[in-house]
Amino acid sequence: MANYESVTRSNYFHVKDEDAFSKFMDTVSGDDMHCWSDKDEDGNTLHAFGCDGSIYGVPNGAEDNDFDLFLSELQKHIAPEDAVILMQSGHEKLRYVTGFATVITSGGIETISIDELAISKAREMLKNIEYSPKMDY
């Protein structure tokens, strides 16, 4: 039996409050979490994070980690003019490769799947809306 292996990484983005964001990130649970910072062209601090695996979420008060709560709490920290693009890809041996991107702004959260994007593009290119490939083995 194979194990799912993944990596997760965000883009660099601006936050509203550096200290509040840092405290929030201290509550995030994931496999070997890392945080980075950089500067934009105006010298403002940019933040990014990722992990060698999956982000499990933040505590929800019931001793569990909640990924949806992580996203909604992260949303509160993002500067209004910026977005977090959180990308995860993974595989289980060569049975399948999958991934998704979650785009988080101060006004919304949307997740897109690379599987769905690829199938949609293939249907468009083939001019066959019923095209449905087998994607795993």
Protein backbone atom coordinates (compact mmCIF):
# COMPACT_ATOMS: atom_id res chain seq x y z
CA MET A 1 0.00 0.00 0.00
CA ALA A 2 1.41 3.39 -1.02
CA ASN A 3 1.26 6.60 0.97
CA TYR A 4 0.11 9.95 -0.36
CA GLU A 5 3.03 12.38 -0.62
CA SER A 6 2.53 16.06 -1.25
CA VAL A 7 4.06 19.51 -1.06
CA THR A 8 2.27 22.76 -0.33
CA ARG A 9 3.46 26.27 -1.05
CA SER A 10 2.02 29.79 -1.20
CA ASN A 11 3.07 32.77 -3.24
CA TYR A 12 4.50 35.86 -1.55
CA PHE A 13 1.79 38.24 -0.33
CA HIS A 14 1.18 41.31 1.85
CA VAL A 15 -0.59 41.15 5.21
CA LYS A 16 -2.49 43.76 7.21
CA ASP A 17 -0.59 43.29 10.50
CA GLU A 18 2.82 41.59 10.67
CA ASP A 19 2.58 40.59 14.35
CA ALA A 20 -0.97 39.25 14.13
CA PHE A 21 -0.07 37.21 11.04
CA SER A 22 3.01 35.76 12.73
CA LYS A 23 0.94 34.73 15.77
CA PHE A 24 -1.66 33.15 13.49
CA MET A 25 0.95 31.14 11.60
CA ASP A 26 2.25 29.79 14.93
CA THR A 27 -1.13 28.02 15.31
CA VAL A 28 -1.06 26.35 11.89
CA SER A 29 -0.44 22.61 11.85
CA GLY A 30 1.27 20.96 8.91
CA ASP A 31 4.07 18.63 7.89
CA ASP A 32 7.36 20.48 8.50
CA MET A 33 5.90 24.00 8.08
CA HIS A 34 8.16 26.79 6.81
CA CYS A 35 7.58 30.55 6.58
CA TRP A 36 9.55 32.98 4.45
CA SER A 37 9.65 36.73 4.02
CA ASP A 38 10.97 39.01 1.32
CA LYS A 39 10.58 42.62 0.25
CA ASP A 40 8.59 44.04 -2.65
CA GLU A 41 9.96 46.78 -4.93
CA ASP A 42 8.85 49.43 -2.42
CA GLY A 43 10.56 47.73 0.54
CA ASN A 44 7.32 46.38 2.06
CA THR A 45 7.45 42.95 3.66
CA LEU A 46 6.01 40.00 1.76
CA HIS A 47 5.19 36.66 3.40
CA ALA A 48 5.01 33.09 2.08
CA PHE A 49 4.65 29.67 3.66
CA GLY A 50 4.72 26.03 2.75
CA CYS A 51 5.39 22.54 3.96
CA ASP A 52 6.77 19.20 2.91
CA GLY A 53 3.34 17.60 2.96
CA SER A 54 -0.10 18.93 3.79
CA ILE A 55 -1.41 21.75 5.91
CA TYR A 56 -3.85 20.24 8.39
CA GLY A 57 -5.36 23.49 9.62
CA VAL A 58 -5.72 25.32 12.89
CA PRO A 59 -7.22 24.11 16.17
CA ASN A 60 -11.02 24.35 16.16
CA GLY A 61 -11.52 24.06 19.91
CA ALA A 62 -12.24 20.32 19.80
CA GLU A 63 -8.59 19.24 19.71
CA ASP A 64 -8.89 18.81 15.95
CA ASN A 65 -7.26 20.75 13.15
CA ASP A 66 -9.64 22.38 10.70
CA PHE A 67 -8.44 23.26 7.17
CA ASP A 68 -11.52 25.34 6.30
CA LEU A 69 -11.06 27.32 9.50
CA PHE A 70 -7.40 27.85 8.53
CA LEU A 71 -8.51 29.33 5.20
CA SER A 72 -11.12 31.64 6.74
CA GLU A 73 -8.68 32.81 9.43
CA LEU A 74 -5.91 33.34 6.86
CA GLN A 75 -8.35 35.42 4.82
CA LYS A 76 -8.59 37.93 7.69
CA HIS A 77 -4.83 38.65 7.49
CA ILE A 78 -4.49 39.30 3.75
CA ALA A 79 -4.03 42.89 2.62
CA PRO A 80 -7.04 44.06 0.57
CA GLU A 81 -5.02 44.51 -2.61
CA ASP A 82 -3.36 41.09 -2.50
CA ALA A 83 -4.12 37.37 -2.77
CA VAL A 84 -2.71 34.16 -1.37
CA ILE A 85 -2.37 31.43 -3.97
CA LEU A 86 -1.93 28.20 -2.05
CA MET A 87 -0.81 25.34 -4.27
CA GLN A 88 -0.61 21.68 -3.32
CA SER A 89 0.40 18.78 -5.49
CA GLY A 90 0.78 15.18 -4.56
CA HIS A 91 0.88 11.60 -5.65
CA GLU A 92 0.51 8.06 -4.42
CA LYS A 93 3.33 6.19 -6.12
CA LEU A 94 2.37 6.35 -9.78
CA ARG A 95 -1.29 5.55 -9.17
CA TYR A 96 -2.23 9.20 -9.62
CA VAL A 97 -0.90 12.74 -9.54
CA THR A 98 -3.21 15.45 -8.33
CA GLY A 99 -3.15 19.03 -7.23
CA PHE A 100 -5.16 22.09 -6.48
CA ALA A 101 -4.79 25.81 -6.05
CA THR A 102 -6.79 27.74 -3.52
CA VAL A 103 -6.99 31.48 -4.13
CA ILE A 104 -7.73 33.50 -1.01
CA THR A 105 -8.47 37.22 -1.05
CA SER A 106 -10.02 39.43 1.60
CA GLY A 107 -13.28 39.02 -0.35
CA GLY A 108 -13.41 35.32 -1.20
CA ILE A 109 -11.96 31.81 -1.32
CA GLU A 110 -11.97 29.64 -4.46
CA THR A 111 -10.32 26.25 -5.07
CA ILE A 112 -9.48 24.86 -8.48
CA SER A 113 -8.28 21.35 -9.32
CA ILE A 114 -5.58 20.67 -11.90
CA ASP A 115 -7.46 17.50 -12.86
CA GLU A 116 -10.61 19.51 -13.65
CA LEU A 117 -8.63 22.20 -15.49
CA ALA A 118 -6.81 19.63 -17.62
CA ILE A 119 -9.97 17.70 -18.51
CA SER A 120 -11.79 20.93 -19.33
CA LYS A 121 -8.94 22.02 -21.61
CA ALA A 122 -8.85 18.59 -23.31
CA ARG A 123 -12.62 18.74 -23.93
CA GLU A 124 -12.23 22.19 -25.42
CA MET A 125 -9.32 21.16 -27.66
CA LEU A 126 -11.07 17.95 -28.76
CA LYS A 127 -14.41 19.74 -29.18
CA ASN A 128 -15.92 16.86 -27.18
CA ILE A 129 -17.73 17.87 -23.98
CA GLU A 130 -18.13 14.21 -23.02
CA TYR A 131 -14.42 13.36 -23.05
CA SER A 132 -13.71 11.61 -19.73
CA PRO A 133 -10.22 10.09 -19.39
CA LYS A 134 -9.22 7.60 -16.77
CA MET A 135 -6.84 9.58 -14.55
CA ASP A 136 -5.73 6.99 -11.98
CA TYR A 137 -4.63 3.35 -12.00
